[in-house]
Amino acid sequence: MIQVTVNGAAQRFDQPLAVSDLILQMALAGKKIAVEKNGEIVPKSAHGSTLVLDGDRLEIVAAVGGG
């Protein structure tokens, strides 16, 4: 079991997972988002290969359109 912080809230997962899997679990797939892991931006091209590990801190923000 791993524990990470996502947008300030503690989350637990059975095992490390890819950023892309976390995005799916959070129902954010297909949306315009930015992901920061431990203070570093994770490029969209690296979402599938970047693992979320125990103790990581993530910030995920979704773009909101409007005028």
C-alpha atoms as a PDB file:
ATOM      1  CA  MET A   1       0.000   0.000   0.000  1.00  0.00           C
ATOM      2  CA  ILE A   2       1.282   3.462  -0.872  1.00  0.00           C
ATOM      3  CA  GLN A   3       0.103   6.849   0.333  1.00  0.00           C
ATOM      4  CA  VAL A   4       0.365   9.972  -1.791  1.00  0.00           C
ATOM      5  CA  THR A   5      -1.014  13.487  -1.586  1.00  0.00           C
ATOM      6  CA  VAL A   6      -3.140  14.667  -4.510  1.00  0.00           C
ATOM      7  CA  ASN A   7      -4.226  18.318  -4.473  1.00  0.00           C
ATOM      8  CA  GLY A   8      -3.651  18.435  -0.725  1.00  0.00           C
ATOM      9  CA  ALA A   9      -5.651  15.287   0.100  1.00  0.00           C
ATOM     10  CA  ALA A  10      -4.173  11.966   1.192  1.00  0.00           C
ATOM     11  CA  GLN A  11      -4.876   9.075  -1.191  1.00  0.00           C
ATOM     12  CA  ARG A  12      -4.022   5.397  -0.790  1.00  0.00           C
ATOM     13  CA  PHE A  13      -3.365   2.902  -3.551  1.00  0.00           C
ATOM     14  CA  ASP A  14      -2.532  -0.801  -3.488  1.00  0.00           C
ATOM     15  CA  GLN A  15       0.684  -0.286  -5.452  1.00  0.00           C
ATOM     16  CA  PRO A  16       2.616   2.331  -7.424  1.00  0.00           C
ATOM     17  CA  LEU A  17       0.750   3.441 -10.546  1.00  0.00           C
ATOM     18  CA  ALA A  18       1.444   5.533 -13.625  1.00  0.00           C
ATOM     19  CA  VAL A  19       0.284   9.143 -13.717  1.00  0.00           C
ATOM     20  CA  SER A  20      -1.965   8.162 -16.652  1.00  0.00           C
ATOM     21  CA  ASP A  21      -3.688   5.524 -14.479  1.00  0.00           C
ATOM     22  CA  LEU A  22      -4.233   8.078 -11.714  1.00  0.00           C
ATOM     23  CA  ILE A  23      -5.789  10.445 -14.251  1.00  0.00           C
ATOM     24  CA  LEU A  24      -8.175   7.667 -15.326  1.00  0.00           C
ATOM     25  CA  GLN A  25      -9.137   6.915 -11.713  1.00  0.00           C
ATOM     26  CA  MET A  26      -9.865  10.592 -11.126  1.00  0.00           C
ATOM     27  CA  ALA A  27     -12.128  10.728 -14.231  1.00  0.00           C
ATOM     28  CA  LEU A  28      -9.888  13.357 -15.845  1.00  0.00           C
ATOM     29  CA  ALA A  29      -8.991  11.394 -18.991  1.00  0.00           C
ATOM     30  CA  GLY A  30      -9.406  13.476 -22.136  1.00  0.00           C
ATOM     31  CA  LYS A  31      -9.487  16.774 -20.266  1.00  0.00           C
ATOM     32  CA  LYS A  32      -6.891  19.515 -20.536  1.00  0.00           C
ATOM     33  CA  ILE A  33      -4.884  19.110 -17.361  1.00  0.00           C
ATOM     34  CA  ALA A  34      -1.460  19.868 -15.955  1.00  0.00           C
ATOM     35  CA  VAL A  35       0.273  17.499 -13.540  1.00  0.00           C
ATOM     36  CA  GLU A  36       3.003  18.436 -11.091  1.00  0.00           C
ATOM     37  CA  LYS A  37       4.815  15.716  -9.136  1.00  0.00           C
ATOM     38  CA  ASN A  38       6.982  16.761  -6.212  1.00  0.00           C
ATOM     39  CA  GLY A  39       7.288  20.280  -7.619  1.00  0.00           C
ATOM     40  CA  GLU A  40       8.175  19.228 -11.183  1.00  0.00           C
ATOM     41  CA  ILE A  41       5.818  19.418 -14.173  1.00  0.00           C
ATOM     42  CA  VAL A  42       5.158  16.008 -15.730  1.00  0.00           C
ATOM     43  CA  PRO A  43       4.870  16.434 -19.519  1.00  0.00           C
ATOM     44  CA  LYS A  44       1.824  14.777 -21.070  1.00  0.00           C
ATOM     45  CA  SER A  45       4.157  12.579 -23.117  1.00  0.00           C
ATOM     46  CA  ALA A  46       5.529  11.132 -19.844  1.00  0.00           C
ATOM     47  CA  HIS A  47       2.206  10.419 -18.078  1.00  0.00           C
ATOM     48  CA  GLY A  48       2.342   6.722 -19.046  1.00  0.00           C
ATOM     49  CA  SER A  49       5.935   6.209 -17.927  1.00  0.00           C
ATOM     50  CA  THR A  50       5.997   8.332 -14.750  1.00  0.00           C
ATOM     51  CA  LEU A  51       5.188   6.314 -11.637  1.00  0.00           C
ATOM     52  CA  VAL A  52       3.408   7.683  -8.602  1.00  0.00           C
ATOM     53  CA  LEU A  53       5.296   6.305  -5.592  1.00  0.00           C
ATOM     54  CA  ASP A  54       4.809   6.267  -1.833  1.00  0.00           C
ATOM     55  CA  GLY A  55       5.137   9.748  -0.357  1.00  0.00           C
ATOM     56  CA  ASP A  56       4.761  11.628  -3.658  1.00  0.00           C
ATOM     57  CA  ARG A  57       2.912  14.957  -3.714  1.00  0.00           C
ATOM     58  CA  LEU A  58       0.895  15.704  -6.835  1.00  0.00           C
ATOM     59  CA  GLU A  59      -1.026  18.733  -7.971  1.00  0.00           C
ATOM     60  CA  ILE A  60      -3.444  18.209 -10.851  1.00  0.00           C
ATOM     61  CA  VAL A  61      -5.234  21.176 -12.333  1.00  0.00           C
ATOM     62  CA  ALA A  62      -7.840  21.166 -15.107  1.00  0.00           C
ATOM     63  CA  ALA A  63      -8.219  24.012 -17.567  1.00  0.00           C
ATOM     64  CA  VAL A  64     -11.590  25.728 -17.435  1.00  0.00           C
ATOM     65  CA  GLY A  65     -12.892  27.455 -20.536  1.00  0.00           C
ATOM     66  CA  GLY A  66     -15.028  30.498 -20.559  1.00  0.00           C
ATOM     67  CA  GLY A  67     -15.178  34.036 -21.644  1.00  0.00           C
END
